[in-house]
Amino acid sequence: MVAESLNDGVRIAELLASELTGRGVGAFADVSVENADLDVEPTADGARAYDVHHAGERIARVFVQPERARVEFETGLDAARAAAAERDLRTRPKAVEPPWLLVFVEDAAEVKRVVDVFDAAL
């Protein structure tokens, strides 16, 4: 068994996109990854990798940093915050109007937990 974690922001974002679009049932039947930057290079502040849409509306954006990814939720913030807290994911509000919620994905092992946060937000 390998005791190594995967904390490459681009790879984490790729795994998340695959999980979100691969489910295809329930609320995820209408989830899509849009405006993907296939050549995204991670930056310290985070480079936008793609947007996540549900039923044609953008619900979140995914950014990549060298050692993690972050999701900026635009809808379902209270449910997303509660689900992230239950799954021990780090969050912080983003001071924009209307407000957003940032959820940090610091390891590939956290991807499935973030998918649960998407499920709650939907």
PDB file of N, CA and C in Angstrom:
ATOM      1  N   MET A   1       0.838  -1.177   0.000  1.00  0.00           N
ATOM      2  CA  MET A   1       0.000   0.000   0.000  1.00  0.00           C
ATOM      3  C   MET A   1       0.885   1.243   0.000  1.00  0.00           C
ATOM      4  N   VAL A   2       0.548   2.218  -0.802  1.00  0.00           N
ATOM      5  CA  VAL A   2       1.317   3.442  -0.891  1.00  0.00           C
ATOM      6  C   VAL A   2       0.811   4.437   0.142  1.00  0.00           C
ATOM      7  N   ALA A   3       1.718   5.003   0.908  1.00  0.00           N
ATOM      8  CA  ALA A   3       1.341   5.946   1.952  1.00  0.00           C
ATOM      9  C   ALA A   3       1.566   7.390   1.493  1.00  0.00           C
ATOM     10  N   GLU A   4       1.494   7.601   0.212  1.00  0.00           N
ATOM     11  CA  GLU A   4       1.746   8.919  -0.354  1.00  0.00           C
ATOM     12  C   GLU A   4       0.420   9.587  -0.696  1.00  0.00           C
ATOM     13  N   SER A   5       0.333  10.882  -0.417  1.00  0.00           N
ATOM     14  CA  SER A   5      -0.891  11.599  -0.746  1.00  0.00           C
ATOM     15  C   SER A   5      -0.683  12.353  -2.052  1.00  0.00           C
ATOM     16  N   LEU A   6      -1.780  12.673  -2.696  1.00  0.00           N
ATOM     17  CA  LEU A   6      -1.737  13.433  -3.942  1.00  0.00           C
ATOM     18  C   LEU A   6      -2.211  14.839  -3.642  1.00  0.00           C
ATOM     19  N   ASN A   7      -1.284  15.780  -3.676  1.00  0.00           N
ATOM     20  CA  ASN A   7      -1.659  17.166  -3.397  1.00  0.00           C
ATOM     21  C   ASN A   7      -1.172  18.087  -4.511  1.00  0.00           C
ATOM     22  N   ASP A   8      -1.499  17.709  -5.731  1.00  0.00           N
ATOM     23  CA  ASP A   8      -1.235  18.524  -6.914  1.00  0.00           C
ATOM     24  C   ASP A   8      -2.560  19.170  -7.299  1.00  0.00           C
ATOM     25  N   GLY A   9      -2.621  20.503  -7.273  1.00  0.00           N
ATOM     26  CA  GLY A   9      -3.878  21.210  -7.498  1.00  0.00           C
ATOM     27  C   GLY A   9      -4.558  20.875  -8.801  1.00  0.00           C
ATOM     28  N   VAL A  10      -3.790  20.760  -9.881  1.00  0.00           N
ATOM     29  CA  VAL A  10      -4.386  20.451 -11.188  1.00  0.00           C
ATOM     30  C   VAL A  10      -4.973  19.052 -11.173  1.00  0.00           C
ATOM     31  N   ARG A  11      -4.241  18.103 -10.656  1.00  0.00           N
ATOM     32  CA  ARG A  11      -4.736  16.715 -10.625  1.00  0.00           C
ATOM     33  C   ARG A  11      -5.972  16.590  -9.736  1.00  0.00           C
ATOM     34  N   ILE A  12      -5.974  17.297  -8.608  1.00  0.00           N
ATOM     35  CA  ILE A  12      -7.148  17.280  -7.727  1.00  0.00           C
ATOM     36  C   ILE A  12      -8.369  17.824  -8.469  1.00  0.00           C
ATOM     37  N   ALA A  13      -8.188  18.925  -9.200  1.00  0.00           N
ATOM     38  CA  ALA A  13      -9.296  19.514  -9.965  1.00  0.00           C
ATOM     39  C   ALA A  13      -9.782  18.549 -11.043  1.00  0.00           C
ATOM     40  N   GLU A  14      -8.864  17.844 -11.686  1.00  0.00           N
ATOM     41  CA  GLU A  14      -9.253  16.860 -12.701  1.00  0.00           C
ATOM     42  C   GLU A  14     -10.073  15.736 -12.087  1.00  0.00           C
ATOM     43  N   LEU A  15      -9.642  15.246 -10.939  1.00  0.00           N
ATOM     44  CA  LEU A  15     -10.383  14.177 -10.259  1.00  0.00           C
ATOM     45  C   LEU A  15     -11.772  14.658  -9.850  1.00  0.00           C
ATOM     46  N   LEU A  16     -11.854  15.882  -9.372  1.00  0.00           N
ATOM     47  CA  LEU A  16     -13.146  16.435  -8.974  1.00  0.00           C
ATOM     48  C   LEU A  16     -14.084  16.542 -10.174  1.00  0.00           C
ATOM     49  N   ALA A  17     -13.577  17.038 -11.295  1.00  0.00           N
ATOM     50  CA  ALA A  17     -14.409  17.145 -12.505  1.00  0.00           C
ATOM     51  C   ALA A  17     -14.931  15.780 -12.911  1.00  0.00           C
ATOM     52  N   SER A  18     -14.073  14.786 -12.842  1.00  0.00           N
ATOM     53  CA  SER A  18     -14.473  13.425 -13.206  1.00  0.00           C
ATOM     54  C   SER A  18     -15.561  12.897 -12.274  1.00  0.00           C
ATOM     55  N   GLU A  19     -15.413  13.141 -10.988  1.00  0.00           N
ATOM     56  CA  GLU A  19     -16.421  12.698 -10.022  1.00  0.00           C
ATOM     57  C   GLU A  19     -17.756  13.405 -10.239  1.00  0.00           C
ATOM     58  N   LEU A  20     -17.711  14.698 -10.489  1.00  0.00           N
ATOM     59  CA  LEU A  20     -18.946  15.468 -10.660  1.00  0.00           C
ATOM     60  C   LEU A  20     -19.713  15.061 -11.911  1.00  0.00           C
ATOM     61  N   THR A  21     -19.009  14.840 -13.000  1.00  0.00           N
ATOM     62  CA  THR A  21     -19.683  14.527 -14.264  1.00  0.00           C
ATOM     63  C   THR A  21     -19.937  13.029 -14.431  1.00  0.00           C
ATOM     64  N   GLY A  22     -19.242  12.219 -13.676  1.00  0.00           N
ATOM     65  CA  GLY A  22     -19.385  10.771 -13.821  1.00  0.00           C
ATOM     66  C   GLY A  22     -20.549  10.167 -13.076  1.00  0.00           C
ATOM     67  N   ARG A  23     -21.155  10.905 -12.184  1.00  0.00           N
ATOM     68  CA  ARG A  23     -22.255  10.353 -11.382  1.00  0.00           C
ATOM     69  C   ARG A  23     -23.525  10.195 -12.201  1.00  0.00           C
ATOM     70  N   GLY A  24     -23.978  11.245 -12.825  1.00  0.00           N
ATOM     71  CA  GLY A  24     -25.100  11.188 -13.758  1.00  0.00           C
ATOM     72  C   GLY A  24     -26.440  10.766 -13.203  1.00  0.00           C
ATOM     73  N   VAL A  25     -26.598  10.732 -11.894  1.00  0.00           N
ATOM     74  CA  VAL A  25     -27.889  10.367 -11.295  1.00  0.00           C
ATOM     75  C   VAL A  25     -28.305  11.434 -10.296  1.00  0.00           C
ATOM     76  N   GLY A  26     -29.591  11.469  -9.994  1.00  0.00           N
ATOM     77  CA  GLY A  26     -30.106  12.432  -9.031  1.00  0.00           C
ATOM     78  C   GLY A  26     -29.791  13.852  -9.447  1.00  0.00           C
ATOM     79  N   ALA A  27     -29.400  14.677  -8.487  1.00  0.00           N
ATOM     80  CA  ALA A  27     -29.068  16.066  -8.770  1.00  0.00           C
ATOM     81  C   ALA A  27     -27.878  16.175  -9.716  1.00  0.00           C
ATOM     82  N   PHE A  28     -27.028  15.166  -9.733  1.00  0.00           N
ATOM     83  CA  PHE A  28     -25.837  15.198 -10.588  1.00  0.00           C
ATOM     84  C   PHE A  28     -26.144  14.942 -12.059  1.00  0.00           C
ATOM     85  N   ALA A  29     -27.364  14.536 -12.370  1.00  0.00           N
ATOM     86  CA  ALA A  29     -27.730  14.305 -13.768  1.00  0.00           C
ATOM     87  C   ALA A  29     -27.632  15.591 -14.580  1.00  0.00           C
ATOM     88  N   ASP A  30     -27.814  16.730 -13.928  1.00  0.00           N
ATOM     89  CA  ASP A  30     -27.775  18.028 -14.608  1.00  0.00           C
ATOM     90  C   ASP A  30     -26.503  18.814 -14.323  1.00  0.00           C
ATOM     91  N   VAL A  31     -25.462  18.155 -13.800  1.00  0.00           N
ATOM     92  CA  VAL A  31     -24.197  18.826 -13.498  1.00  0.00           C
ATOM     93  C   VAL A  31     -23.268  18.704 -14.694  1.00  0.00           C
ATOM     94  N   SER A  32     -22.614  19.820 -15.025  1.00  0.00           N
ATOM     95  CA  SER A  32     -21.630  19.805 -16.110  1.00  0.00           C
ATOM     96  C   SER A  32     -20.445  20.687 -15.745  1.00  0.00           C
ATOM     97  N   VAL A  33     -19.314  20.372 -16.355  1.00  0.00           N
ATOM     98  CA  VAL A  33     -18.106  21.182 -16.225  1.00  0.00           C
ATOM     99  C   VAL A  33     -18.025  22.029 -17.479  1.00  0.00           C
ATOM    100  N   GLU A  34     -17.942  23.336 -17.308  1.00  0.00           N
ATOM    101  CA  GLU A  34     -17.962  24.279 -18.431  1.00  0.00           C
ATOM    102  C   GLU A  34     -16.727  25.164 -18.410  1.00  0.00           C
ATOM    103  N   ASN A  35     -16.408  25.726 -19.566  1.00  0.00           N
ATOM    104  CA  ASN A  35     -15.329  26.711 -19.692  1.00  0.00           C
ATOM    105  C   ASN A  35     -14.002  26.219 -19.119  1.00  0.00           C
ATOM    106  N   ALA A  36     -13.694  24.950 -19.345  1.00  0.00           N
ATOM    107  CA  ALA A  36     -12.462  24.378 -18.802  1.00  0.00           C
ATOM    108  C   ALA A  36     -11.230  24.947 -19.508  1.00  0.00           C
ATOM    109  N   ASP A  37     -10.237  25.294 -18.718  1.00  0.00           N
ATOM    110  CA  ASP A  37      -8.943  25.722 -19.236  1.00  0.00           C
ATOM    111  C   ASP A  37      -8.043  24.496 -19.208  1.00  0.00           C
ATOM    112  N   LEU A  38      -7.892  23.846 -20.348  1.00  0.00           N
ATOM    113  CA  LEU A  38      -7.143  22.591 -20.416  1.00  0.00           C
ATOM    114  C   LEU A  38      -5.644  22.780 -20.188  1.00  0.00           C
ATOM    115  N   ASP A  39      -5.174  24.009 -20.314  1.00  0.00           N
ATOM    116  CA  ASP A  39      -3.755  24.300 -20.116  1.00  0.00           C
ATOM    117  C   ASP A  39      -3.508  25.106 -18.846  1.00  0.00           C
ATOM    118  N   VAL A  40      -4.422  25.040 -17.895  1.00  0.00           N
ATOM    119  CA  VAL A  40      -4.300  25.847 -16.683  1.00  0.00           C
ATOM    120  C   VAL A  40      -2.995  25.533 -15.958  1.00  0.00           C
ATOM    121  N   GLU A  41      -2.354  26.581 -15.508  1.00  0.00           N
ATOM    122  CA  GLU A  41      -1.147  26.474 -14.701  1.00  0.00           C
ATOM    123  C   GLU A  41      -1.478  26.997 -13.305  1.00  0.00           C
ATOM    124  N   PRO A  42      -1.208  26.215 -12.277  1.00  0.00           N
ATOM    125  CA  PRO A  42      -1.527  26.677 -10.924  1.00  0.00           C
ATOM    126  C   PRO A  42      -0.730  27.923 -10.548  1.00  0.00           C
ATOM    127  N   THR A  43      -1.361  28.795  -9.785  1.00  0.00           N
ATOM    128  CA  THR A  43      -0.700  29.987  -9.267  1.00  0.00           C
ATOM    129  C   THR A  43      -0.931  30.048  -7.762  1.00  0.00           C
ATOM    130  N   ALA A  44      -0.149  30.864  -7.082  1.00  0.00           N
ATOM    131  CA  ALA A  44      -0.288  31.000  -5.631  1.00  0.00           C
ATOM    132  C   ALA A  44      -1.681  31.505  -5.248  1.00  0.00           C
ATOM    133  N   ASP A  45      -2.242  32.411  -6.053  1.00  0.00           N
ATOM    134  CA  ASP A  45      -3.574  32.948  -5.775  1.00  0.00           C
ATOM    135  C   ASP A  45      -4.688  32.045  -6.289  1.00  0.00           C
ATOM    136  N   GLY A  46      -4.345  31.114  -7.163  1.00  0.00           N
ATOM    137  CA  GLY A  46      -5.324  30.211  -7.753  1.00  0.00           C
ATOM    138  C   GLY A  46      -5.713  30.641  -9.147  1.00  0.00           C
ATOM    139  N   ALA A  47      -5.547  29.756 -10.101  1.00  0.00           N
ATOM    140  CA  ALA A  47      -5.944  29.999 -11.485  1.00  0.00           C
ATOM    141  C   ALA A  47      -7.242  29.248 -11.749  1.00  0.00           C
ATOM    142  N   ARG A  48      -8.193  29.895 -12.443  1.00  0.00           N
ATOM    143  CA  ARG A  48      -9.476  29.250 -12.698  1.00  0.00           C
ATOM    144  C   ARG A  48      -9.281  28.084 -13.647  1.00  0.00           C
ATOM    145  N   ALA A  49      -9.730  26.922 -13.210  1.00  0.00           N
ATOM    146  CA  ALA A  49      -9.631  25.715 -14.019  1.00  0.00           C
ATOM    147  C   ALA A  49     -10.914  25.474 -14.808  1.00  0.00           C
ATOM    148  N   TYR A  50     -12.068  25.644 -14.164  1.00  0.00           N
ATOM    149  CA  TYR A  50     -13.351  25.425 -14.827  1.00  0.00           C
ATOM    150  C   TYR A  50     -14.490  25.911 -13.945  1.00  0.00           C
ATOM    151  N   ASP A  51     -15.664  25.983 -14.559  1.00  0.00           N
ATOM    152  CA  ASP A  51     -16.899  26.316 -13.850  1.00  0.00           C
ATOM    153  C   ASP A  51     -17.737  25.051 -13.734  1.00  0.00           C
ATOM    154  N   VAL A  52     -18.534  24.983 -12.688  1.00  0.00           N
ATOM    155  CA  VAL A  52     -19.466  23.875 -12.505  1.00  0.00           C
ATOM    156  C   VAL A  52     -20.873  24.429 -12.658  1.00  0.00           C
ATOM    157  N   HIS A  53     -21.641  23.834 -13.566  1.00  0.00           N
ATOM    158  CA  HIS A  53     -23.015  24.266 -13.824  1.00  0.00           C
ATOM    159  C   HIS A  53     -23.991  23.172 -13.399  1.00  0.00           C
ATOM    160  N   HIS A  54     -25.163  23.617 -12.996  1.00  0.00           N
ATOM    161  CA  HIS A  54     -26.266  22.696 -12.703  1.00  0.00           C
ATOM    162  C   HIS A  54     -27.489  23.242 -13.426  1.00  0.00           C
ATOM    163  N   ALA A  55     -28.054  22.438 -14.296  1.00  0.00           N
ATOM    164  CA  ALA A  55     -29.229  22.832 -15.074  1.00  0.00           C
ATOM    165  C   ALA A  55     -28.989  24.157 -15.796  1.00  0.00           C
ATOM    166  N   GLY A  56     -27.788  24.323 -16.326  1.00  0.00           N
ATOM    167  CA  GLY A  56     -27.466  25.499 -17.118  1.00  0.00           C
ATOM    168  C   GLY A  56     -27.013  26.723 -16.349  1.00  0.00           C
ATOM    169  N   GLU A  57     -27.052  26.688 -15.024  1.00  0.00           N
ATOM    170  CA  GLU A  57     -26.643  27.824 -14.196  1.00  0.00           C
ATOM    171  C   GLU A  57     -25.325  27.516 -13.496  1.00  0.00           C
ATOM    172  N   ARG A  58     -24.433  28.492 -13.472  1.00  0.00           N
ATOM    173  CA  ARG A  58     -23.173  28.285 -12.767  1.00  0.00           C
ATOM    174  C   ARG A  58     -23.433  28.254 -11.273  1.00  0.00           C
ATOM    175  N   ILE A  59     -22.930  27.211 -10.607  1.00  0.00           N
ATOM    176  CA  ILE A  59     -23.090  27.077  -9.164  1.00  0.00           C
ATOM    177  C   ILE A  59     -21.767  27.193  -8.424  1.00  0.00           C
ATOM    178  N   ALA A  60     -20.648  26.992  -9.148  1.00  0.00           N
ATOM    179  CA  ALA A  60     -19.335  27.052  -8.499  1.00  0.00           C
ATOM    180  C   ALA A  60     -18.250  27.228  -9.548  1.00  0.00           C
ATOM    181  N   ARG A  61     -17.089  27.667  -9.084  1.00  0.00           N
ATOM    182  CA  ARG A  61     -15.906  27.745  -9.922  1.00  0.00           C
ATOM    183  C   ARG A  61     -14.794  27.010  -9.192  1.00  0.00           C
ATOM    184  N   VAL A  62     -13.915  26.374  -9.945  1.00  0.00           N
ATOM    185  CA  VAL A  62     -12.805  25.622  -9.361  1.00  0.00           C
ATOM    186  C   VAL A  62     -11.501  26.283  -9.777  1.00  0.00           C
ATOM    187  N   PHE A  63     -10.643  26.519  -8.793  1.00  0.00           N
ATOM    188  CA  PHE A  63      -9.343  27.148  -8.999  1.00  0.00           C
ATOM    189  C   PHE A  63      -8.247  26.192  -8.554  1.00  0.00           C
ATOM    190  N   VAL A  64      -7.073  26.317  -9.183  1.00  0.00           N
ATOM    191  CA  VAL A  64      -5.950  25.454  -8.807  1.00  0.00           C
ATOM    192  C   VAL A  64      -4.783  26.285  -8.309  1.00  0.00           C
ATOM    193  N   GLN A  65      -4.199  25.792  -7.251  1.00  0.00           N
ATOM    194  CA  GLN A  65      -2.977  26.317  -6.684  1.00  0.00           C
ATOM    195  C   GLN A  65      -1.957  25.178  -6.752  1.00  0.00           C
ATOM    196  N   PRO A  66      -0.687  25.447  -6.535  1.00  0.00           N
ATOM    197  CA  PRO A  66       0.300  24.379  -6.697  1.00  0.00           C
ATOM    198  C   PRO A  66       0.009  23.117  -5.885  1.00  0.00           C
ATOM    199  N   GLU A  67      -0.469  23.267  -4.655  1.00  0.00           N
ATOM    200  CA  GLU A  67      -0.631  22.098  -3.793  1.00  0.00           C
ATOM    201  C   GLU A  67      -2.066  21.807  -3.375  1.00  0.00           C
ATOM    202  N   ARG A  68      -3.022  22.467  -4.012  1.00  0.00           N
ATOM    203  CA  ARG A  68      -4.424  22.223  -3.665  1.00  0.00           C
ATOM    204  C   ARG A  68      -5.329  22.830  -4.732  1.00  0.00           C
ATOM    205  N   ALA A  69      -6.609  22.517  -4.588  1.00  0.00           N
ATOM    206  CA  ALA A  69      -7.642  23.151  -5.399  1.00  0.00           C
ATOM    207  C   ALA A  69      -8.605  23.823  -4.430  1.00  0.00           C
ATOM    208  N   ARG A  70      -9.359  24.769  -4.945  1.00  0.00           N
ATOM    209  CA  ARG A  70     -10.407  25.359  -4.112  1.00  0.00           C
ATOM    210  C   ARG A  70     -11.657  25.515  -4.964  1.00  0.00           C
ATOM    211  N   VAL A  71     -12.778  25.332  -4.309  1.00  0.00           N
ATOM    212  CA  VAL A  71     -14.077  25.479  -4.955  1.00  0.00           C
ATOM    213  C   VAL A  71     -14.721  26.724  -4.391  1.00  0.00           C
ATOM    214  N   GLU A  72     -15.210  27.576  -5.277  1.00  0.00           N
ATOM    215  CA  GLU A  72     -15.938  28.773  -4.861  1.00  0.00           C
ATOM    216  C   GLU A  72     -17.414  28.545  -5.157  1.00  0.00           C
ATOM    217  N   PHE A  73     -18.163  28.177  -4.120  1.00  0.00           N
ATOM    218  CA  PHE A  73     -19.602  27.936  -4.260  1.00  0.00           C
ATOM    219  C   PHE A  73     -20.335  29.261  -4.330  1.00  0.00           C
ATOM    220  N   GLU A  74     -21.290  29.350  -5.244  1.00  0.00           N
ATOM    221  CA  GLU A  74     -22.098  30.554  -5.412  1.00  0.00           C
ATOM    222  C   GLU A  74     -23.530  30.359  -4.936  1.00  0.00           C
ATOM    223  N   THR A  75     -23.960  29.127  -4.787  1.00  0.00           N
ATOM    224  CA  THR A  75     -25.326  28.822  -4.350  1.00  0.00           C
ATOM    225  C   THR A  75     -25.300  27.739  -3.280  1.00  0.00           C
ATOM    226  N   GLY A  76     -26.386  27.655  -2.528  1.00  0.00           N
ATOM    227  CA  GLY A  76     -26.499  26.620  -1.506  1.00  0.00           C
ATOM    228  C   GLY A  76     -25.458  26.755  -0.409  1.00  0.00           C
ATOM    229  N   LEU A  77     -25.113  27.989  -0.052  1.00  0.00           N
ATOM    230  CA  LEU A  77     -23.987  28.234   0.843  1.00  0.00           C
ATOM    231  C   LEU A  77     -24.165  27.664   2.239  1.00  0.00           C
ATOM    232  N   ASP A  78     -25.344  27.816   2.830  1.00  0.00           N
ATOM    233  CA  ASP A  78     -25.548  27.299   4.186  1.00  0.00           C
ATOM    234  C   ASP A  78     -25.424  25.787   4.214  1.00  0.00           C
ATOM    235  N   ALA A  79     -26.050  25.116   3.261  1.00  0.00           N
ATOM    236  CA  ALA A  79     -25.969  23.657   3.196  1.00  0.00           C
ATOM    237  C   ALA A  79     -24.541  23.211   2.890  1.00  0.00           C
ATOM    238  N   ALA A  80     -23.867  23.932   1.991  1.00  0.00           N
ATOM    239  CA  ALA A  80     -22.483  23.586   1.647  1.00  0.00           C
ATOM    240  C   ALA A  80     -21.565  23.760   2.856  1.00  0.00           C
ATOM    241  N   ARG A  81     -21.735  24.856   3.595  1.00  0.00           N
ATOM    242  CA  ARG A  81     -20.906  25.107   4.782  1.00  0.00           C
ATOM    243  C   ARG A  81     -21.099  23.993   5.810  1.00  0.00           C
ATOM    244  N   ALA A  82     -22.349  23.621   6.061  1.00  0.00           N
ATOM    245  CA  ALA A  82     -22.631  22.562   7.039  1.00  0.00           C
ATOM    246  C   ALA A  82     -22.048  21.225   6.585  1.00  0.00           C
ATOM    247  N   ALA A  83     -22.205  20.895   5.311  1.00  0.00           N
ATOM    248  CA  ALA A  83     -21.679  19.629   4.800  1.00  0.00           C
ATOM    249  C   ALA A  83     -20.157  19.610   4.850  1.00  0.00           C
ATOM    250  N   ALA A  84     -19.524  20.716   4.543  1.00  0.00           N
ATOM    251  CA  ALA A  84     -18.058  20.786   4.590  1.00  0.00           C
ATOM    252  C   ALA A  84     -17.566  20.621   6.027  1.00  0.00           C
ATOM    253  N   ALA A  85     -18.249  21.252   6.972  1.00  0.00           N
ATOM    254  CA  ALA A  85     -17.852  21.133   8.379  1.00  0.00           C
ATOM    255  C   ALA A  85     -17.977  19.688   8.859  1.00  0.00           C
ATOM    256  N   GLU A  86     -19.060  19.020   8.461  1.00  0.00           N
ATOM    257  CA  GLU A  86     -19.264  17.615   8.848  1.00  0.00           C
ATOM    258  C   GLU A  86     -18.179  16.712   8.276  1.00  0.00           C
ATOM    259  N   ARG A  87     -17.573  17.133   7.162  1.00  0.00           N
ATOM    260  CA  ARG A  87     -16.569  16.312   6.482  1.00  0.00           C
ATOM    261  C   ARG A  87     -15.146  16.825   6.716  1.00  0.00           C
ATOM    262  N   ASP A  88     -15.003  17.689   7.700  1.00  0.00           N
ATOM    263  CA  ASP A  88     -13.691  18.227   8.087  1.00  0.00           C
ATOM    264  C   ASP A  88     -12.939  18.890   6.942  1.00  0.00           C
ATOM    265  N   LEU A  89     -13.667  19.637   6.113  1.00  0.00           N
ATOM    266  CA  LEU A  89     -13.048  20.404   5.038  1.00  0.00           C
ATOM    267  C   LEU A  89     -12.946  21.857   5.470  1.00  0.00           C
ATOM    268  N   ARG A  90     -11.842  22.477   5.146  1.00  0.00           N
ATOM    269  CA  ARG A  90     -11.613  23.873   5.516  1.00  0.00           C
ATOM    270  C   ARG A  90     -12.409  24.785   4.593  1.00  0.00           C
ATOM    271  N   THR A  91     -13.073  25.771   5.177  1.00  0.00           N
ATOM    272  CA  THR A  91     -13.879  26.722   4.412  1.00  0.00           C
ATOM    273  C   THR A  91     -13.589  28.135   4.894  1.00  0.00           C
ATOM    274  N   ARG A  92     -13.992  29.078   4.070  1.00  0.00           N
ATOM    275  CA  ARG A  92     -14.034  30.475   4.500  1.00  0.00           C
ATOM    276  C   ARG A  92     -14.958  31.214   3.559  1.00  0.00           C
ATOM    277  N   PRO A  93     -15.624  32.231   4.076  1.00  0.00           N
ATOM    278  CA  PRO A  93     -16.507  33.029   3.207  1.00  0.00           C
ATOM    279  C   PRO A  93     -15.670  33.910   2.287  1.00  0.00           C
ATOM    280  N   LYS A  94     -16.238  34.243   1.134  1.00  0.00           N
ATOM    281  CA  LYS A  94     -15.609  35.188   0.224  1.00  0.00           C
ATOM    282  C   LYS A  94     -16.462  36.440   0.239  1.00  0.00           C
ATOM    283  N   ALA A  95     -15.825  37.550   0.529  1.00  0.00           N
ATOM    284  CA  ALA A  95     -16.542  38.813   0.699  1.00  0.00           C
ATOM    285  C   ALA A  95     -16.832  39.465  -0.642  1.00  0.00           C
ATOM    286  N   VAL A  96     -17.809  38.938  -1.317  1.00  0.00           N
ATOM    287  CA  VAL A  96     -18.321  39.523  -2.554  1.00  0.00           C
ATOM    288  C   VAL A  96     -19.824  39.659  -2.373  1.00  0.00           C
ATOM    289  N   GLU A  97     -20.462  40.326  -3.275  1.00  0.00           N
ATOM    290  CA  GLU A  97     -21.915  40.478  -3.176  1.00  0.00           C
ATOM    291  C   GLU A  97     -22.570  39.881  -4.401  1.00  0.00           C
ATOM    292  N   PRO A  98     -23.389  38.858  -4.313  1.00  0.00           N
ATOM    293  CA  PRO A  98     -23.701  38.117  -3.099  1.00  0.00           C
ATOM    294  C   PRO A  98     -22.501  37.285  -2.633  1.00  0.00           C
ATOM    295  N   PRO A  99     -22.479  36.901  -1.357  1.00  0.00           N
ATOM    296  CA  PRO A  99     -21.325  36.173  -0.818  1.00  0.00           C
ATOM    297  C   PRO A  99     -21.175  34.777  -1.426  1.00  0.00           C
ATOM    298  N   TRP A 100     -19.950  34.291  -1.421  1.00  0.00           N
ATOM    299  CA  TRP A 100     -19.634  32.937  -1.871  1.00  0.00           C
ATOM    300  C   TRP A 100     -18.967  32.196  -0.722  1.00  0.00           C
ATOM    301  N   LEU A 101     -18.820  30.906  -0.875  1.00  0.00           N
ATOM    302  CA  LEU A 101     -18.150  30.071   0.116  1.00  0.00           C
ATOM    303  C   LEU A 101     -16.979  29.374  -0.549  1.00  0.00           C
ATOM    304  N   LEU A 102     -15.795  29.502   0.018  1.00  0.00           N
ATOM    305  CA  LEU A 102     -14.618  28.803  -0.484  1.00  0.00           C
ATOM    306  C   LEU A 102     -14.449  27.499   0.291  1.00  0.00           C
ATOM    307  N   VAL A 103     -14.229  26.413  -0.432  1.00  0.00           N
ATOM    308  CA  VAL A 103     -13.937  25.116   0.174  1.00  0.00           C
ATOM    309  C   VAL A 103     -12.605  24.668  -0.395  1.00  0.00           C
ATOM    310  N   PHE A 104     -11.664  24.352   0.487  1.00  0.00           N
ATOM    311  CA  PHE A 104     -10.315  23.983   0.079  1.00  0.00           C
ATOM    312  C   PHE A 104     -10.176  22.470   0.009  1.00  0.00           C
ATOM    313  N   VAL A 105      -9.583  22.000  -1.083  1.00  0.00           N
ATOM    314  CA  VAL A 105      -9.367  20.565  -1.310  1.00  0.00           C
ATOM    315  C   VAL A 105      -7.859  20.370  -1.359  1.00  0.00           C
ATOM    316  N   GLU A 106      -7.311  19.886  -0.261  1.00  0.00           N
ATOM    317  CA  GLU A 106      -5.863  19.848  -0.114  1.00  0.00           C
ATOM    318  C   GLU A 106      -5.252  18.504  -0.444  1.00  0.00           C
ATOM    319  N   ASP A 107      -6.075  17.533  -0.740  1.00  0.00           N
ATOM    320  CA  ASP A 107      -5.575  16.201  -1.069  1.00  0.00           C
ATOM    321  C   ASP A 107      -6.625  15.491  -1.910  1.00  0.00           C
ATOM    322  N   ALA A 108      -6.183  14.621  -2.793  1.00  0.00           N
ATOM    323  CA  ALA A 108      -7.120  13.885  -3.645  1.00  0.00           C
ATOM    324  C   ALA A 108      -8.090  13.046  -2.811  1.00  0.00           C
ATOM    325  N   ALA A 109      -7.672  12.646  -1.620  1.00  0.00           N
ATOM    326  CA  ALA A 109      -8.554  11.856  -0.755  1.00  0.00           C
ATOM    327  C   ALA A 109      -9.781  12.658  -0.316  1.00  0.00           C
ATOM    328  N   GLU A 110      -9.731  13.990  -0.434  1.00  0.00           N
ATOM    329  CA  GLU A 110     -10.851  14.830  -0.040  1.00  0.00           C
ATOM    330  C   GLU A 110     -11.863  15.052  -1.160  1.00  0.00           C
ATOM    331  N   VAL A 111     -11.578  14.573  -2.356  1.00  0.00           N
ATOM    332  CA  VAL A 111     -12.451  14.837  -3.506  1.00  0.00           C
ATOM    333  C   VAL A 111     -13.856  14.293  -3.278  1.00  0.00           C
ATOM    334  N   LYS A 112     -13.982  13.076  -2.817  1.00  0.00           N
ATOM    335  CA  LYS A 112     -15.324  12.506  -2.614  1.00  0.00           C
ATOM    336  C   LYS A 112     -16.088  13.286  -1.543  1.00  0.00           C
ATOM    337  N   ARG A 113     -15.384  13.816  -0.545  1.00  0.00           N
ATOM    338  CA  ARG A 113     -16.047  14.623   0.478  1.00  0.00           C
ATOM    339  C   ARG A 113     -16.560  15.931  -0.121  1.00  0.00           C
ATOM    340  N   VAL A 114     -15.806  16.509  -1.054  1.00  0.00           N
ATOM    341  CA  VAL A 114     -16.250  17.734  -1.701  1.00  0.00           C
ATOM    342  C   VAL A 114     -17.461  17.454  -2.592  1.00  0.00           C
ATOM    343  N   VAL A 115     -17.510  16.288  -3.206  1.00  0.00           N
ATOM    344  CA  VAL A 115     -18.679  15.921  -3.999  1.00  0.00           C
ATOM    345  C   VAL A 115     -19.913  15.885  -3.094  1.00  0.00           C
ATOM    346  N   ASP A 116     -19.756  15.407  -1.871  1.00  0.00           N
ATOM    347  CA  ASP A 116     -20.861  15.430  -0.915  1.00  0.00           C
ATOM    348  C   ASP A 116     -21.302  16.866  -0.608  1.00  0.00           C
ATOM    349  N   VAL A 117     -20.347  17.792  -0.595  1.00  0.00           N
ATOM    350  CA  VAL A 117     -20.672  19.196  -0.361  1.00  0.00           C
ATOM    351  C   VAL A 117     -21.473  19.732  -1.551  1.00  0.00           C
ATOM    352  N   PHE A 118     -21.081  19.364  -2.772  1.00  0.00           N
ATOM    353  CA  PHE A 118     -21.859  19.740  -3.954  1.00  0.00           C
ATOM    354  C   PHE A 118     -23.284  19.186  -3.839  1.00  0.00           C
ATOM    355  N   ASP A 119     -23.405  17.938  -3.423  1.00  0.00           N
ATOM    356  CA  ASP A 119     -24.724  17.322  -3.282  1.00  0.00           C
ATOM    357  C   ASP A 119     -25.586  18.123  -2.313  1.00  0.00           C
ATOM    358  N   ALA A 120     -25.006  18.538  -1.207  1.00  0.00           N
ATOM    359  CA  ALA A 120     -25.756  19.339  -0.224  1.00  0.00           C
ATOM    360  C   ALA A 120     -26.140  20.695  -0.803  1.00  0.00           C
ATOM    361  N   ALA A 121     -25.228  21.316  -1.537  1.00  0.00           N
ATOM    362  CA  ALA A 121     -25.492  22.639  -2.106  1.00  0.00           C
ATOM    363  C   ALA A 121     -26.586  22.597  -3.167  1.00  0.00           C
ATOM    364  N   LEU A 122     -26.687  21.473  -3.871  1.00  0.00           N
ATOM    365  CA  LEU A 122     -27.706  21.335  -4.912  1.00  0.00           C
ATOM    366  C   LEU A 122     -29.076  21.142  -4.303  1.00  0.00           C
TER     367      LEU A 122
END
